[in-house]
Amino acid sequence: MTRQGKCYGLALEFLIKNGLLESCVLIHGTIEARNPQTKERQRIFHAWIETDAGYVYEPVTDSFIKLEDFERI
């Protein structure tokens, strides 16, 4: 199953399944990403979770990234 394009649902599902509704923040925003077809960078709508420990849960890659590193991507 591809996770691409499903960030909003995956982020919310992660919060609910792990009981993190009160200790994390679900963010809806935009990020800059490379278009796989044109290879150009563009702004896209995205959802992710910020933890109180300074990490970001990235739902498309199903991984945790330090907040400071996520902000540089």
N, C-alpha and C. Protein backbone atom coordinates (compact mmCIF):
# COMPACT_ATOMS: atom_id res chain seq x y z
N MET A 1 0.84 -1.18 0.00
CA MET A 1 0.00 0.00 0.00
C MET A 1 0.88 1.25 0.00
N THR A 2 0.59 2.15 -0.87
CA THR A 2 1.33 3.41 -0.89
C THR A 2 0.76 4.37 0.15
N ARG A 3 1.64 5.08 0.80
CA ARG A 3 1.22 6.05 1.81
C ARG A 3 1.17 7.46 1.23
N GLN A 4 1.74 7.60 0.02
CA GLN A 4 1.77 8.90 -0.66
C GLN A 4 0.36 9.46 -0.83
N GLY A 5 0.15 10.72 -0.48
CA GLY A 5 -1.14 11.37 -0.65
C GLY A 5 -2.16 11.06 0.45
N LYS A 6 -1.73 10.35 1.51
CA LYS A 6 -2.65 9.96 2.58
C LYS A 6 -2.22 10.51 3.94
N CYS A 7 -1.43 11.58 3.94
CA CYS A 7 -0.84 12.06 5.18
C CYS A 7 -1.86 12.50 6.22
N TYR A 8 -2.96 13.12 5.79
CA TYR A 8 -3.95 13.62 6.76
C TYR A 8 -4.57 12.46 7.55
N GLY A 9 -5.04 11.46 6.86
CA GLY A 9 -5.64 10.30 7.52
C GLY A 9 -4.64 9.51 8.33
N LEU A 10 -3.44 9.32 7.78
CA LEU A 10 -2.42 8.55 8.49
C LEU A 10 -1.97 9.24 9.77
N ALA A 11 -1.84 10.56 9.73
CA ALA A 11 -1.42 11.29 10.93
C ALA A 11 -2.47 11.18 12.02
N LEU A 12 -3.72 11.38 11.67
CA LEU A 12 -4.79 11.27 12.66
C LEU A 12 -4.90 9.86 13.20
N GLU A 13 -4.81 8.87 12.34
CA GLU A 13 -4.87 7.47 12.76
C GLU A 13 -3.74 7.15 13.75
N PHE A 14 -2.54 7.66 13.49
CA PHE A 14 -1.41 7.44 14.38
C PHE A 14 -1.69 8.02 15.77
N LEU A 15 -2.22 9.24 15.82
CA LEU A 15 -2.54 9.86 17.10
C LEU A 15 -3.55 9.04 17.90
N ILE A 16 -4.61 8.63 17.23
CA ILE A 16 -5.68 7.89 17.91
C ILE A 16 -5.20 6.52 18.37
N LYS A 17 -4.56 5.77 17.47
CA LYS A 17 -4.10 4.41 17.81
C LYS A 17 -3.09 4.39 18.95
N ASN A 18 -2.31 5.46 19.07
CA ASN A 18 -1.27 5.49 20.09
C ASN A 18 -1.64 6.33 21.31
N GLY A 19 -2.89 6.79 21.38
CA GLY A 19 -3.36 7.55 22.54
C GLY A 19 -2.60 8.84 22.77
N LEU A 20 -2.26 9.53 21.69
CA LEU A 20 -1.43 10.73 21.80
C LEU A 20 -2.18 12.04 21.57
N LEU A 21 -3.50 12.00 21.63
CA LEU A 21 -4.29 13.20 21.33
C LEU A 21 -3.98 14.37 22.24
N GLU A 22 -3.57 14.10 23.48
CA GLU A 22 -3.33 15.20 24.41
C GLU A 22 -1.85 15.57 24.54
N SER A 23 -0.94 14.74 24.04
CA SER A 23 0.48 15.03 24.23
C SER A 23 1.21 15.43 22.95
N CYS A 24 0.53 15.43 21.82
CA CYS A 24 1.14 15.80 20.55
C CYS A 24 0.24 16.79 19.82
N VAL A 25 0.81 17.43 18.80
CA VAL A 25 0.06 18.40 18.02
C VAL A 25 0.00 17.94 16.57
N LEU A 26 -1.20 17.84 16.04
CA LEU A 26 -1.41 17.50 14.63
C LEU A 26 -1.34 18.80 13.83
N ILE A 27 -0.42 18.87 12.88
CA ILE A 27 -0.21 20.07 12.09
C ILE A 27 -0.71 19.84 10.67
N HIS A 28 -1.47 20.79 10.16
CA HIS A 28 -1.86 20.84 8.75
C HIS A 28 -1.17 22.07 8.18
N GLY A 29 -0.30 21.87 7.22
CA GLY A 29 0.44 22.99 6.66
C GLY A 29 0.89 22.71 5.25
N THR A 30 1.95 23.37 4.85
CA THR A 30 2.54 23.12 3.54
C THR A 30 4.02 22.83 3.71
N ILE A 31 4.54 22.05 2.79
CA ILE A 31 5.97 21.77 2.75
C ILE A 31 6.43 21.93 1.31
N GLU A 32 7.73 22.03 1.13
CA GLU A 32 8.28 22.06 -0.22
C GLU A 32 8.74 20.65 -0.56
N ALA A 33 8.28 20.13 -1.67
CA ALA A 33 8.61 18.76 -2.07
C ALA A 33 8.94 18.72 -3.56
N ARG A 34 9.66 17.69 -3.94
CA ARG A 34 10.02 17.52 -5.33
C ARG A 34 8.92 16.75 -6.05
N ASN A 35 8.44 17.30 -7.16
CA ASN A 35 7.45 16.63 -8.00
C ASN A 35 8.13 15.44 -8.67
N PRO A 36 7.63 14.21 -8.46
CA PRO A 36 8.31 13.03 -9.02
C PRO A 36 8.34 13.00 -10.55
N GLN A 37 7.42 13.68 -11.19
CA GLN A 37 7.38 13.67 -12.66
C GLN A 37 8.26 14.75 -13.27
N THR A 38 8.18 15.97 -12.75
CA THR A 38 8.93 17.08 -13.34
C THR A 38 10.27 17.33 -12.64
N LYS A 39 10.45 16.76 -11.45
CA LYS A 39 11.64 16.94 -10.61
C LYS A 39 11.77 18.36 -10.07
N GLU A 40 10.79 19.20 -10.30
CA GLU A 40 10.82 20.56 -9.77
C GLU A 40 10.29 20.57 -8.35
N ARG A 41 10.77 21.51 -7.55
CA ARG A 41 10.28 21.65 -6.18
C ARG A 41 9.02 22.49 -6.20
N GLN A 42 8.04 22.09 -5.37
CA GLN A 42 6.78 22.83 -5.30
C GLN A 42 6.22 22.74 -3.90
N ARG A 43 5.35 23.67 -3.54
CA ARG A 43 4.68 23.66 -2.24
C ARG A 43 3.48 22.73 -2.33
N ILE A 44 3.36 21.83 -1.33
CA ILE A 44 2.21 20.93 -1.29
C ILE A 44 1.59 20.97 0.11
N PHE A 45 0.30 20.68 0.18
CA PHE A 45 -0.37 20.57 1.47
C PHE A 45 0.07 19.27 2.12
N HIS A 46 0.25 19.31 3.45
CA HIS A 46 0.78 18.14 4.16
C HIS A 46 0.31 18.15 5.61
N ALA A 47 0.32 16.99 6.24
CA ALA A 47 0.00 16.85 7.67
C ALA A 47 1.13 16.08 8.34
N TRP A 48 1.47 16.48 9.56
CA TRP A 48 2.47 15.78 10.36
C TRP A 48 2.16 16.02 11.82
N ILE A 49 2.88 15.34 12.69
CA ILE A 49 2.65 15.43 14.13
C ILE A 49 3.92 15.93 14.80
N GLU A 50 3.78 16.91 15.68
CA GLU A 50 4.91 17.38 16.47
C GLU A 50 4.74 16.89 17.90
N THR A 51 5.80 16.28 18.45
CA THR A 51 5.75 15.75 19.81
C THR A 51 6.32 16.77 20.79
N ASP A 52 6.00 16.59 22.05
CA ASP A 52 6.53 17.48 23.08
C ASP A 52 8.01 17.20 23.37
N ALA A 53 8.55 16.13 22.78
CA ALA A 53 9.96 15.78 22.96
C ALA A 53 10.84 16.34 21.85
N GLY A 54 10.25 17.14 20.94
CA GLY A 54 11.05 17.77 19.89
C GLY A 54 11.23 16.93 18.64
N TYR A 55 10.30 16.02 18.41
CA TYR A 55 10.35 15.19 17.20
C TYR A 55 9.10 15.42 16.35
N VAL A 56 9.22 15.05 15.08
CA VAL A 56 8.10 15.09 14.15
C VAL A 56 7.84 13.66 13.69
N TYR A 57 6.58 13.26 13.73
CA TYR A 57 6.19 11.99 13.11
C TYR A 57 5.77 12.32 11.70
N GLU A 58 6.45 11.72 10.73
CA GLU A 58 6.20 11.95 9.31
C GLU A 58 5.37 10.76 8.81
N PRO A 59 4.06 10.95 8.59
CA PRO A 59 3.19 9.81 8.29
C PRO A 59 3.42 9.14 6.95
N VAL A 60 3.91 9.85 5.96
CA VAL A 60 4.12 9.22 4.64
C VAL A 60 5.27 8.23 4.70
N THR A 61 6.34 8.60 5.41
CA THR A 61 7.48 7.68 5.54
C THR A 61 7.39 6.81 6.80
N ASP A 62 6.37 7.07 7.64
CA ASP A 62 6.17 6.33 8.89
C ASP A 62 7.43 6.36 9.75
N SER A 63 7.97 7.59 9.94
CA SER A 63 9.22 7.71 10.68
C SER A 63 9.21 8.96 11.56
N PHE A 64 10.13 8.98 12.52
CA PHE A 64 10.32 10.13 13.40
C PHE A 64 11.58 10.87 12.97
N ILE A 65 11.51 12.19 12.99
CA ILE A 65 12.61 13.05 12.60
C ILE A 65 12.73 14.15 13.66
N LYS A 66 13.94 14.54 14.02
CA LYS A 66 14.09 15.67 14.94
C LYS A 66 13.43 16.89 14.31
N LEU A 67 12.72 17.66 15.12
CA LEU A 67 12.01 18.84 14.64
C LEU A 67 12.95 19.78 13.89
N GLU A 68 14.14 20.00 14.42
CA GLU A 68 15.09 20.91 13.77
C GLU A 68 15.51 20.40 12.38
N ASP A 69 15.60 19.07 12.21
CA ASP A 69 15.93 18.51 10.90
C ASP A 69 14.74 18.61 9.95
N PHE A 70 13.55 18.37 10.47
CA PHE A 70 12.34 18.47 9.64
C PHE A 70 12.17 19.89 9.10
N GLU A 71 12.47 20.88 9.92
CA GLU A 71 12.33 22.27 9.49
C GLU A 71 13.32 22.65 8.38
N ARG A 72 14.42 21.91 8.27
CA ARG A 72 15.42 22.18 7.23
C ARG A 72 15.10 21.47 5.91
N ILE A 73 14.20 20.50 5.93
CA ILE A 73 13.89 19.74 4.72
C ILE A 73 13.14 20.61 3.74
